[in-house]
Amino acid sequence: MDGLTYPEPDGDRIFLPCPACGQTARVDLHGERIAVRCFAACDPEDTLAGIDCDRLRAELRSHKEKRAERPKPEDGAGLLDDLAAFVRRFVVISDAQAAAVALWIVHTHALEAAEETPYLAITSAEKRSGKTRLLEILTRLVARPLATSNISDAALFRSIANDRPTLLFDEIDAIFGPKARDREDLRGMINAGHRRGAEVRRCGGANRDRLEVFPVFCPKALAGIGTLPETVADRALPIRLERRAPSEAVERFRRRDVEPEAAALRERVERFAAESIAALGAARPELPADLDDRAQDWAEPLLAIADLAGGEWAQRARRAIVELRGGEPAEDDSIGVRLLADVRGAFETLAADRLSTADLLDHLHGLDEAPWAEWHKGKPLSARGLSDRLKPYRVRSRTVRLDDGSTPKGYKREQLEDAWRRYLPANPASIRHNATTRMGSGIAAETDPPQDRVVADSEEAENPRRERDVADVADRGAVDGAERPISTADENVLPFAGRHGAERPATAEEEAEIDRLREKFRSHPVSASERSSGQKSSESERRREHSA
């Protein structure tokens, strides 16, 4: 019967063209009784006269049977609950971690609705913490899983282009570690593959003379010991695992028992994703303000899934992501930001609106887990080093007047507030007091690395060309006895010459002597002739010391 339509969910009401006028008519079936109504107000008898009632009843029975066979829409909240519970049966993880993993599993099946994909960073301090077990569970639940343990880089690139799989990396430290010099292509793919449309270009062909373009956007789970490089960790949902304690029990993971249950869960995930692609693509979820811009980008597809699932998942997902990423201490991207945080801590601890350079350095050197007390080759951070590190943030030392009336060089709170607001979180406690990994250095051990490694090239950073900076002493080449003003700026490289005239950093004794001379110059200005005589005497003393 042409033109039949069945409104949902009421299958006992049918709409069809009125046989009398051709306009829409509604037919209600109540058992064997049929009631008709034409929306053009035709006589019901005229409308009913043109309807084959027996055929209409047969159409209705067929429609009801098909509707009974069709599965009900998947309950998103119940599905996420079941995924989180399934993972926690075999791996010791927190509720927030289980919620994040459940959302990420669904995300791999709904990738077409996302512009960004978060990496799932599964890390631990030591082996036997559950990383490989979690990857085994993911293999049975995510979309198109592809383990990368035994695949060439070329095959991996082509697999992403052809299938857009979910990549599961185990022992990722072998790729990002300092000895992995031959894995540049793979590192480039991981760094770029978080955003839709990302591509890498490589030379291919028999003679490597043909340019090939490979899309690299796909979900990736990265498991390894230590921490990921900052460029990757900044785009990752962190799942930090710990070795199971004797009191923490989990089920034994027997594949023959687990796989049927996992397959049923995966079918439900596939069904939910297929039903939800359009809604997820149109979703614009509210993003937590506690996350930085980059974290908000990759959290958006996960929060869209949680909002669509309904129930308590909208709030549960936001709490989980903020706890795992926004609420944990930030492992920031430079030693400069670490310095800003510790300087802010000094102002807060000392409840001051201005600090002399000496007082600020005393505080920094006293921080137990900070690198400042042994900044370079066992020597503490100097006033010159502090100044050089703060200059990129438009912060320079200036003369400050203290409560005792003295006017040393130092810093005011108002100079630093703009840098604090731009580079630090609002809560001073959220800055991590661990040494951070250098950009691109790979997986870092959890223990504090040697300072030479953490602040590599700090000597060059403080004085890149080893140039002489003698702004705070009289010019030794002054013409016609002219005097140059004495500045109170602290220096790290003082104008001392070695046996062959090469400059070197001042020793502690020499720095103390310079400080004494500065105070003398402030209190008792000397003439050019006196200064020249003093310089000659000092040079003679230094030559005798070097000879000794």
Protein backbone atom coordinates (compact mmCIF):
# COMPACT_ATOMS: atom_id res chain seq x y z
CA MET A 1 0.00 0.00 0.00
CA ASP A 2 1.79 3.10 -1.22
CA GLY A 3 2.38 6.07 1.04
CA LEU A 4 2.18 4.25 4.38
CA THR A 5 4.13 5.90 7.19
CA TYR A 6 4.43 4.75 10.79
CA PRO A 7 5.04 7.37 13.47
CA GLU A 8 7.28 6.26 16.32
CA PRO A 9 6.82 4.88 18.89
CA ASP A 10 3.08 4.27 18.40
CA GLY A 11 2.83 1.50 15.81
CA ASP A 12 -1.00 1.34 15.94
CA ARG A 13 -1.33 4.62 14.07
CA ILE A 14 -0.59 4.88 10.36
CA PHE A 15 -0.55 7.83 7.99
CA LEU A 16 -1.39 7.35 4.33
CA PRO A 17 -2.84 9.32 1.39
CA CYS A 18 -6.61 9.71 1.59
CA PRO A 19 -8.19 7.66 -1.25
CA ALA A 20 -10.87 10.34 -1.71
CA CYS A 21 -8.76 13.53 -1.99
CA GLY A 22 -5.12 12.53 -1.92
CA GLN A 23 -4.30 14.53 1.23
CA THR A 24 -2.87 12.90 4.36
CA ALA A 25 -5.19 10.71 6.37
CA ARG A 26 -4.65 9.16 9.81
CA VAL A 27 -5.71 5.57 10.40
CA ASP A 28 -5.92 4.23 13.97
CA LEU A 29 -6.19 0.49 14.46
CA HIS A 30 -7.77 -0.74 17.68
CA GLY A 31 -7.65 -4.51 17.38
CA GLU A 32 -9.96 -5.34 14.47
CA ARG A 33 -11.64 -1.92 14.50
CA ILE A 34 -10.32 0.84 12.23
CA ALA A 35 -10.88 4.59 12.69
CA VAL A 36 -9.94 7.06 9.94
CA ARG A 37 -9.59 10.81 9.75
CA CYS A 38 -8.71 12.86 6.66
CA PHE A 39 -6.94 16.14 7.40
CA ALA A 40 -8.81 17.66 4.43
CA ALA A 41 -12.09 16.87 6.24
CA CYS A 42 -13.31 14.23 3.81
CA ASP A 43 -16.20 12.04 4.94
CA PRO A 44 -14.72 9.10 6.93
CA GLU A 45 -16.88 6.68 4.95
CA ASP A 46 -15.38 7.97 1.67
CA THR A 47 -11.87 7.65 3.06
CA LEU A 48 -12.48 4.16 4.46
CA ALA A 49 -14.12 2.97 1.25
CA GLY A 50 -10.85 3.22 -0.63
CA ILE A 51 -8.73 1.37 1.97
CA ASP A 52 -8.01 -2.35 1.78
CA CYS A 53 -8.44 -3.11 5.47
CA ASP A 54 -7.08 -6.67 5.30
CA ARG A 55 -3.94 -5.50 3.54
CA LEU A 56 -3.62 -2.65 6.01
CA ARG A 57 -3.71 -5.07 8.95
CA ALA A 58 -1.06 -7.23 7.26
CA GLU A 59 1.19 -4.19 6.76
CA LEU A 60 0.76 -3.31 10.41
CA ARG A 61 1.70 -6.79 11.64
CA SER A 62 4.81 -6.76 9.42
CA HIS A 63 5.86 -3.37 10.76
CA LYS A 64 5.43 -4.49 14.38
CA GLU A 65 7.54 -7.58 13.78
CA LYS A 66 10.35 -5.55 12.23
CA ARG A 67 10.22 -3.06 15.07
CA ALA A 68 10.46 -5.88 17.62
CA GLU A 69 13.57 -7.24 15.90
CA ARG A 70 15.30 -3.85 15.84
CA PRO A 71 17.51 -3.34 18.94
CA LYS A 72 16.75 -0.48 21.25
CA PRO A 73 19.08 2.53 21.22
CA GLU A 74 22.15 1.83 23.31
CA ASP A 75 22.15 3.27 26.81
CA GLY A 76 25.29 5.40 26.77
CA ALA A 77 25.60 5.84 30.54
CA GLY A 78 25.17 2.11 31.17
CA LEU A 79 27.72 1.34 28.46
CA LEU A 80 30.35 3.62 29.99
CA ASP A 81 29.66 2.16 33.44
CA ASP A 82 30.19 -1.35 32.08
CA LEU A 83 33.41 -0.38 30.27
CA ALA A 84 34.90 1.23 33.37
CA ALA A 85 33.93 -1.74 35.55
CA PHE A 86 35.35 -4.21 33.01
CA VAL A 87 38.74 -2.48 32.96
CA ARG A 88 38.93 -2.28 36.77
CA ARG A 89 38.39 -6.02 37.08
CA PHE A 90 41.87 -6.68 35.66
CA VAL A 91 43.94 -3.55 36.36
CA VAL A 92 44.40 -1.52 39.54
CA ILE A 93 43.37 1.99 38.51
CA SER A 94 41.43 4.80 40.13
CA ASP A 95 37.84 5.69 39.39
CA ALA A 96 38.96 8.76 37.44
CA GLN A 97 41.37 6.69 35.37
CA ALA A 98 38.72 4.05 34.63
CA ALA A 99 36.26 6.75 33.53
CA ALA A 100 38.86 8.31 31.24
CA VAL A 101 39.76 4.97 29.67
CA ALA A 102 36.07 4.16 29.08
CA LEU A 103 35.52 7.50 27.33
CA TRP A 104 38.65 7.02 25.23
CA ILE A 105 37.50 3.56 24.09
CA VAL A 106 34.22 4.99 22.80
CA HIS A 107 36.13 7.88 21.21
CA THR A 108 38.16 5.48 19.06
CA HIS A 109 34.89 4.22 17.53
CA ALA A 110 33.50 7.75 17.05
CA LEU A 111 36.67 9.29 15.62
CA GLU A 112 34.82 10.64 12.57
CA ALA A 113 33.04 13.13 14.83
CA ALA A 114 36.27 14.53 16.36
CA GLU A 115 38.73 17.17 15.22
CA GLU A 116 41.31 16.23 17.86
CA THR A 117 42.25 12.94 19.44
CA PRO A 118 43.99 12.72 22.83
CA TYR A 119 46.86 10.32 23.24
CA LEU A 120 46.33 7.83 26.06
CA ALA A 121 49.59 8.04 28.02
CA ILE A 122 49.93 4.84 30.09
CA THR A 123 53.06 5.24 32.19
CA SER A 124 54.57 3.92 35.40
CA ALA A 125 57.70 4.30 37.48
CA GLU A 126 58.61 0.62 37.20
CA LYS A 127 57.73 -2.45 35.16
CA ARG A 128 55.02 -4.92 36.21
CA SER A 129 52.57 -2.12 36.93
CA GLY A 130 49.79 -3.18 34.54
CA LYS A 131 50.66 -1.26 31.38
CA THR A 132 50.75 -4.27 29.07
CA ARG A 133 47.63 -5.72 30.67
CA LEU A 134 45.74 -2.49 30.01
CA LEU A 135 46.92 -2.58 26.39
CA GLU A 136 45.63 -6.16 26.10
CA ILE A 137 42.22 -5.01 27.32
CA LEU A 138 42.22 -2.10 24.90
CA THR A 139 43.09 -4.42 22.04
CA ARG A 140 39.75 -6.18 22.56
CA LEU A 141 37.64 -3.01 22.90
CA VAL A 142 38.95 -0.19 20.70
CA ALA A 143 38.25 0.35 17.01
CA ARG A 144 40.62 -1.35 14.55
CA PRO A 145 43.44 -2.06 17.05
CA LEU A 146 46.97 -2.29 15.70
CA ALA A 147 49.87 -3.29 17.98
CA THR A 148 53.14 -1.73 16.86
CA SER A 149 55.58 -4.15 18.48
CA ASN A 150 56.51 -5.94 15.25
CA ILE A 151 55.87 -3.57 12.35
CA SER A 152 58.16 -1.44 10.23
CA ASP A 153 57.76 2.32 10.08
CA ALA A 154 56.85 2.14 6.38
CA ALA A 155 54.15 -0.46 7.00
CA LEU A 156 52.82 1.59 9.90
CA PHE A 157 52.51 4.75 7.80
CA ARG A 158 50.60 2.88 5.11
CA SER A 159 48.36 1.18 7.66
CA ILE A 160 47.31 4.56 9.05
CA ALA A 161 46.61 5.86 5.55
CA ASN A 162 44.52 2.80 4.58
CA ASP A 163 42.72 1.81 7.79
CA ARG A 164 43.03 4.66 10.33
CA PRO A 165 43.64 2.14 13.15
CA THR A 166 44.00 2.68 16.88
CA LEU A 167 47.75 2.37 17.46
CA LEU A 168 48.86 0.61 20.64
CA PHE A 169 52.51 1.34 21.48
CA ASP A 170 54.19 -0.69 24.19
CA GLU A 171 57.63 0.24 25.56
CA ILE A 172 57.35 3.71 24.06
CA ASP A 173 60.58 4.62 25.88
CA ALA A 174 62.39 2.64 23.18
CA ILE A 175 61.11 5.18 20.64
CA PHE A 176 61.67 8.38 22.61
CA GLY A 177 64.71 7.32 24.62
CA PRO A 178 68.15 8.89 24.05
CA LYS A 179 69.43 5.83 22.16
CA ALA A 180 66.55 5.72 19.66
CA ARG A 181 68.33 7.76 16.99
CA ASP A 182 66.86 5.80 14.07
CA ARG A 183 63.19 6.43 14.91
CA GLU A 184 62.84 10.04 13.77
CA ASP A 185 60.05 9.17 11.32
CA LEU A 186 58.01 7.48 14.02
CA ARG A 187 58.52 10.31 16.49
CA GLY A 188 57.44 12.81 13.86
CA MET A 189 54.29 10.83 13.19
CA ILE A 190 53.37 10.67 16.88
CA ASN A 191 54.03 14.37 17.41
CA ALA A 192 51.84 15.38 14.46
CA GLY A 193 49.01 12.85 14.57
CA HIS A 194 46.70 14.39 17.16
CA ARG A 195 44.75 16.68 14.79
CA ARG A 196 42.54 15.87 11.84
CA GLY A 197 44.21 16.62 8.52
CA ALA A 198 47.75 16.19 9.89
CA GLU A 199 50.15 14.79 7.29
CA VAL A 200 53.79 13.89 6.96
CA ARG A 201 55.72 13.90 3.70
CA ARG A 202 58.36 11.36 2.80
CA CYS A 203 60.40 10.45 -0.26
CA GLY A 204 59.37 7.09 -1.74
CA GLY A 205 59.71 5.03 -4.86
CA ALA A 206 62.50 2.75 -6.02
CA ASN A 207 64.97 5.64 -6.17
CA ARG A 208 63.38 7.61 -3.36
CA ASP A 209 62.59 10.36 -5.87
CA ARG A 210 58.82 10.46 -5.42
CA LEU A 211 57.09 12.59 -2.80
CA GLU A 212 54.53 10.66 -0.77
CA VAL A 213 52.01 12.21 1.60
CA PHE A 214 50.76 10.16 4.56
CA PRO A 215 47.86 11.14 6.84
CA VAL A 216 48.76 10.44 10.47
CA PHE A 217 45.58 11.34 12.35
CA CYS A 218 44.43 8.38 14.43
CA PRO A 219 44.01 7.39 18.11
CA LYS A 220 47.19 6.29 19.88
CA ALA A 221 47.85 4.65 23.24
CA LEU A 222 51.45 5.07 24.41
CA ALA A 223 52.71 2.82 27.21
CA GLY A 224 56.14 3.08 28.78
CA ILE A 225 58.25 3.56 31.89
CA GLY A 226 58.97 7.10 33.03
CA THR A 227 57.38 10.17 31.48
CA LEU A 228 56.68 11.16 27.90
CA PRO A 229 58.39 14.08 26.15
CA GLU A 230 56.61 17.33 26.87
CA THR A 231 55.45 17.81 23.28
CA VAL A 232 53.55 14.51 23.50
CA ALA A 233 52.52 14.64 27.17
CA ASP A 234 50.89 18.02 26.62
CA ARG A 235 48.41 16.35 24.24
CA ALA A 236 47.87 13.23 26.31
CA LEU A 237 45.35 11.94 28.82
CA PRO A 238 47.67 10.66 31.58
CA ILE A 239 47.03 7.23 33.08
CA ARG A 240 49.75 6.82 35.68
CA LEU A 241 49.86 3.22 36.97
CA GLU A 242 51.51 1.81 40.08
CA ARG A 243 52.58 -1.70 40.92
CA ARG A 244 49.77 -3.59 42.60
CA ALA A 245 50.04 -3.83 46.37
CA PRO A 246 49.58 -7.23 48.05
CA SER A 247 46.23 -6.12 49.42
CA GLU A 248 44.89 -5.10 45.99
CA ALA A 249 43.21 -8.01 44.21
CA VAL A 250 42.28 -8.25 40.53
CA GLU A 251 40.81 -11.04 38.43
CA ARG A 252 43.10 -13.23 36.42
CA PHE A 253 43.02 -12.26 32.75
CA ARG A 254 42.23 -15.51 30.91
CA ARG A 255 41.82 -14.69 27.26
CA ARG A 256 39.46 -17.56 26.44
CA ASP A 257 37.10 -16.36 29.17
CA VAL A 258 37.50 -12.64 28.61
CA GLU A 259 37.19 -12.43 24.84
CA PRO A 260 33.47 -13.33 24.53
CA GLU A 261 32.56 -10.75 27.15
CA ALA A 262 34.83 -8.16 25.57
CA ALA A 263 33.36 -8.87 22.13
CA ALA A 264 29.83 -8.22 23.43
CA LEU A 265 30.98 -4.93 24.99
CA ARG A 266 32.68 -3.93 21.78
CA GLU A 267 29.50 -4.55 19.77
CA ARG A 268 27.61 -2.25 22.12
CA VAL A 269 30.28 0.43 21.72
CA GLU A 270 30.10 0.14 17.93
CA ARG A 271 26.32 0.43 18.01
CA PHE A 272 26.38 3.47 20.31
CA ALA A 273 29.02 5.18 18.16
CA ALA A 274 27.12 4.51 14.94
CA GLU A 275 23.93 5.95 16.44
CA SER A 276 25.74 8.99 17.85
CA ILE A 277 28.15 10.17 15.12
CA ALA A 278 25.92 13.01 13.92
CA ALA A 279 25.10 14.20 17.44
CA LEU A 280 28.74 14.04 18.53
CA GLY A 281 29.88 15.97 15.47
CA ALA A 282 27.42 18.75 16.25
CA ALA A 283 28.17 18.82 19.99
CA ARG A 284 29.91 21.78 21.59
CA PRO A 285 30.37 20.68 25.20
CA GLU A 286 31.15 23.04 28.03
CA LEU A 287 34.88 22.86 28.75
CA PRO A 288 36.37 23.04 32.28
CA ALA A 289 38.15 26.31 32.95
CA ASP A 290 40.73 24.37 35.00
CA LEU A 291 42.21 22.99 31.77
CA ASP A 292 44.61 24.94 29.58
CA ASP A 293 43.74 25.60 25.94
CA ARG A 294 45.52 22.56 24.57
CA ALA A 295 43.94 20.22 27.10
CA GLN A 296 40.52 21.67 26.32
CA ASP A 297 41.07 20.85 22.64
CA TRP A 298 41.63 17.15 23.22
CA ALA A 299 39.10 16.88 26.06
CA GLU A 300 36.24 18.16 23.88
CA PRO A 301 35.45 14.86 22.05
CA LEU A 302 35.53 12.93 25.34
CA LEU A 303 33.19 15.39 27.04
CA ALA A 304 30.83 15.30 24.06
CA ILE A 305 30.53 11.53 24.55
CA ALA A 306 29.90 11.95 28.27
CA ASP A 307 27.22 14.60 27.73
CA LEU A 308 25.45 12.46 25.15
CA ALA A 309 25.60 9.39 27.43
CA GLY A 310 23.74 11.33 30.10
CA GLY A 311 23.26 10.33 33.71
CA GLU A 312 26.09 11.32 36.00
CA TRP A 313 28.67 11.04 33.24
CA ALA A 314 28.65 14.70 32.31
CA GLN A 315 30.03 15.64 35.73
CA ARG A 316 31.99 12.45 36.25
CA ALA A 317 33.94 12.95 33.02
CA ARG A 318 34.84 16.53 33.86
CA ARG A 319 35.97 15.62 37.36
CA ALA A 320 38.08 12.77 35.98
CA ILE A 321 39.82 14.83 33.30
CA VAL A 322 40.51 17.73 35.63
CA GLU A 323 41.84 15.35 38.27
CA LEU A 324 44.11 13.54 35.83
CA ARG A 325 45.32 16.52 33.86
CA GLY A 326 44.20 19.85 35.24
CA GLY A 327 44.32 19.02 38.93
CA GLU A 328 47.68 17.28 39.00
CA PRO A 329 50.84 19.36 39.36
CA ALA A 330 51.81 20.65 35.96
CA GLU A 331 55.08 19.45 34.55
CA ASP A 332 55.84 22.64 32.70
CA ASP A 333 57.80 23.21 29.55
CA SER A 334 60.87 25.17 30.67
CA ILE A 335 63.24 25.82 33.50
CA GLY A 336 62.29 29.50 33.15
CA VAL A 337 58.70 28.81 34.18
CA ARG A 338 60.04 26.80 37.11
CA LEU A 339 62.09 29.83 38.13
CA LEU A 340 59.07 32.12 37.88
CA ALA A 341 57.15 29.77 40.15
CA ASP A 342 59.91 29.64 42.75
CA VAL A 343 60.34 33.42 42.65
CA ARG A 344 56.62 33.79 43.25
CA GLY A 345 56.97 31.37 46.15
CA ALA A 346 59.70 33.57 47.62
CA PHE A 347 57.49 36.65 47.53
CA GLU A 348 54.60 34.72 49.07
CA THR A 349 56.72 33.08 51.78
CA LEU A 350 58.48 36.29 52.76
CA ALA A 351 55.24 38.34 52.43
CA ALA A 352 57.15 41.06 50.61
CA ASP A 353 56.37 43.46 47.81
CA ARG A 354 60.07 43.82 46.98
CA LEU A 355 63.17 41.71 47.55
CA SER A 356 66.84 42.34 47.13
CA THR A 357 68.66 40.04 44.73
CA ALA A 358 70.65 38.62 47.64
CA ASP A 359 67.54 37.79 49.69
CA LEU A 360 65.81 36.27 46.68
CA LEU A 361 68.82 34.08 45.88
CA ASP A 362 69.09 32.99 49.53
CA HIS A 363 65.49 31.77 49.33
CA LEU A 364 66.01 30.00 46.00
CA HIS A 365 69.18 28.28 47.19
CA GLY A 366 67.31 27.03 50.24
CA LEU A 367 64.62 25.15 48.30
CA ASP A 368 65.38 21.50 48.94
CA GLU A 369 64.19 20.00 45.67
CA ALA A 370 64.99 22.92 43.39
CA PRO A 371 68.04 23.02 41.11
CA TRP A 372 69.17 26.50 42.13
CA ALA A 373 71.61 25.54 44.90
CA GLU A 374 73.68 23.48 42.45
CA TRP A 375 72.77 25.23 39.26
CA HIS A 376 75.94 24.70 37.25
CA LYS A 377 78.77 22.34 38.07
CA GLY A 378 77.88 22.38 41.73
CA LYS A 379 77.73 26.16 41.99
CA PRO A 380 74.55 28.00 43.00
CA LEU A 381 72.57 30.25 40.71
CA SER A 382 74.19 33.68 40.72
CA ALA A 383 72.68 37.12 40.49
CA ARG A 384 73.75 37.34 36.87
CA GLY A 385 72.20 33.97 36.11
CA LEU A 386 68.95 35.01 37.79
CA SER A 387 68.87 38.21 35.77
CA ASP A 388 69.52 36.40 32.48
CA ARG A 389 66.79 33.85 33.17
CA LEU A 390 64.21 36.52 33.96
CA LYS A 391 65.01 38.83 31.04
CA PRO A 392 62.94 36.84 28.46
CA TYR A 393 59.88 37.58 30.63
CA ARG A 394 60.63 41.34 30.54
CA VAL A 395 61.78 41.35 34.14
CA ARG A 396 64.98 43.19 34.98
CA SER A 397 66.66 43.95 38.26
CA ARG A 398 66.42 47.52 39.54
CA THR A 399 67.37 49.49 42.60
CA VAL A 400 64.88 48.86 45.39
CA ARG A 401 64.56 50.64 48.71
CA LEU A 402 64.19 48.25 51.63
CA ASP A 403 62.71 48.88 55.07
CA ASP A 404 66.16 49.44 56.60
CA GLY A 405 66.82 52.28 54.14
CA SER A 406 69.33 50.35 52.02
CA THR A 407 69.02 50.47 48.22
CA PRO A 408 70.41 47.24 46.75
CA LYS A 409 69.55 45.76 43.38
CA GLY A 410 66.45 43.59 43.46
CA TYR A 411 62.95 42.99 42.15
CA LYS A 412 59.47 44.32 42.90
CA ARG A 413 56.36 42.19 42.92
CA GLU A 414 54.68 44.49 40.39
CA GLN A 415 57.45 43.72 37.87
CA LEU A 416 56.71 40.00 38.02
CA GLU A 417 52.93 39.90 38.25
CA ASP A 418 52.37 40.04 34.48
CA ALA A 419 54.72 37.09 33.89
CA TRP A 420 53.13 35.14 36.73
CA ARG A 421 49.68 35.72 35.29
CA ARG A 422 50.71 34.61 31.79
CA TYR A 423 52.89 31.60 32.56
CA LEU A 424 51.77 30.20 35.92
CA PRO A 425 48.50 28.72 37.15
CA ALA A 426 46.55 30.71 39.69
CA ASN A 427 47.44 28.29 42.48
CA PRO A 428 51.17 28.45 43.37
CA ALA A 429 51.02 24.89 44.71
CA SER A 430 50.25 23.50 41.27
CA ILE A 431 53.81 23.90 40.01
CA ARG A 432 55.72 20.64 40.24
CA HIS A 433 59.02 20.70 42.07
CA ASN A 434 60.63 18.03 39.95
CA ALA A 435 63.20 18.75 37.30
CA THR A 436 61.50 18.70 33.92
CA THR A 437 62.61 16.88 30.82
CA ARG A 438 64.14 18.90 28.06
CA MET A 439 62.23 19.30 24.81
CA GLY A 440 62.67 16.22 22.67
CA SER A 441 64.94 14.44 25.14
CA GLY A 442 62.57 11.53 25.44
CA ILE A 443 61.38 9.54 28.40
CA ALA A 444 62.91 10.78 31.63
CA ALA A 445 63.48 8.70 34.71
CA GLU A 446 61.42 9.56 37.77
CA THR A 447 64.48 10.30 39.87
CA ASP A 448 65.95 13.79 39.64
CA PRO A 449 68.49 13.71 36.80
CA PRO A 450 71.97 15.17 37.23
CA GLN A 451 71.90 18.93 37.05
CA ASP A 452 74.29 18.96 34.10
CA ARG A 453 71.60 17.13 32.12
CA VAL A 454 68.58 19.05 33.36
CA VAL A 455 70.09 22.42 32.66
CA ALA A 456 72.31 21.48 29.77
CA ASP A 457 74.06 24.44 28.22
CA SER A 458 73.27 26.59 31.24
CA GLU A 459 76.79 27.99 31.05
CA GLU A 460 76.16 29.17 27.52
CA ALA A 461 72.68 30.40 28.53
CA GLU A 462 74.17 32.65 31.16
CA ASN A 463 76.86 34.03 28.84
CA PRO A 464 76.44 32.57 25.32
CA ARG A 465 79.65 33.96 23.80
CA ARG A 466 81.64 34.16 27.02
CA GLU A 467 81.70 37.91 26.41
CA ARG A 468 83.03 40.37 28.94
CA ASP A 469 80.43 42.35 30.83
CA VAL A 470 82.09 44.81 33.17
CA ALA A 471 79.33 47.36 33.64
CA ASP A 472 79.82 47.40 37.40
CA VAL A 473 83.56 48.12 37.54
CA ALA A 474 85.65 51.00 36.27
CA ASP A 475 86.71 50.74 32.64
CA ARG A 476 90.26 49.41 32.63
CA GLY A 477 90.80 51.08 29.28
CA ALA A 478 89.49 54.48 30.33
CA VAL A 479 90.90 57.30 28.25
CA ASP A 480 92.52 60.33 29.86
CA GLY A 481 91.72 59.15 33.32
CA ALA A 482 87.95 59.46 32.77
CA GLU A 483 85.86 57.64 35.32
CA ARG A 484 82.96 55.32 34.54
CA PRO A 485 80.08 55.05 37.04
CA ILE A 486 79.94 52.06 39.29
CA SER A 487 76.78 49.94 38.97
CA THR A 488 75.57 47.66 41.74
CA ALA A 489 74.38 44.98 39.28
CA ASP A 490 75.58 41.55 40.35
CA GLU A 491 77.71 39.66 37.84
CA ASN A 492 78.42 36.01 37.23
CA VAL A 493 81.46 36.42 34.97
CA LEU A 494 83.84 38.93 36.49
CA PRO A 495 86.80 40.54 34.67
CA PHE A 496 89.44 38.12 35.87
CA ALA A 497 91.97 36.82 33.35
CA GLY A 498 93.68 33.47 33.34
CA ARG A 499 97.30 32.85 32.42
CA HIS A 500 96.59 33.33 28.73
CA GLY A 501 94.15 36.18 29.07
CA ALA A 502 90.99 34.02 28.78
CA GLU A 503 88.14 35.00 31.05
CA ARG A 504 86.79 32.63 33.63
CA PRO A 505 84.00 32.71 36.24
CA ALA A 506 85.00 34.31 39.51
CA THR A 507 85.66 32.12 42.51
CA ALA A 508 83.67 32.58 45.70
CA GLU A 509 86.59 34.43 47.31
CA GLU A 510 86.88 36.75 44.32
CA GLU A 511 83.16 37.48 44.34
CA ALA A 512 83.39 38.37 48.02
CA GLU A 513 86.29 40.72 47.26
CA ILE A 514 84.33 42.40 44.49
CA ASP A 515 81.36 42.89 46.82
CA ARG A 516 83.67 44.50 49.35
CA LEU A 517 85.11 46.84 46.72
CA ARG A 518 81.65 47.81 45.54
CA GLU A 519 80.68 48.85 49.04
CA LYS A 520 83.92 50.82 49.26
CA PHE A 521 83.22 52.60 45.99
CA ARG A 522 79.70 53.47 47.11
CA SER A 523 80.89 54.94 50.39
CA HIS A 524 84.16 56.55 49.22
CA PRO A 525 84.40 57.48 45.51
CA VAL A 526 87.98 57.36 44.32
CA SER A 527 89.82 59.25 41.65
CA ALA A 528 90.95 57.82 38.36
CA SER A 529 94.57 57.72 39.53
CA GLU A 530 93.67 55.84 42.71
CA ARG A 531 91.57 53.39 40.71
CA SER A 532 94.40 52.82 38.24
CA SER A 533 96.82 52.15 41.07
CA GLY A 534 94.38 49.76 42.72
CA GLN A 535 93.82 47.91 39.47
CA LYS A 536 97.55 47.41 38.96
CA SER A 537 97.89 46.10 42.51
CA SER A 538 94.94 43.74 42.08
CA GLU A 539 96.31 42.46 38.80
CA SER A 540 99.67 41.74 40.41
CA GLU A 541 98.02 39.87 43.26
CA ARG A 542 95.96 37.77 40.85
CA ARG A 543 99.03 36.90 38.77
CA ARG A 544 100.80 35.74 41.91
CA GLU A 545 97.76 33.60 42.86
CA HIS A 546 97.62 31.99 39.40
CA SER A 547 101.35 31.34 39.42
CA ALA A 548 101.02 29.66 42.80
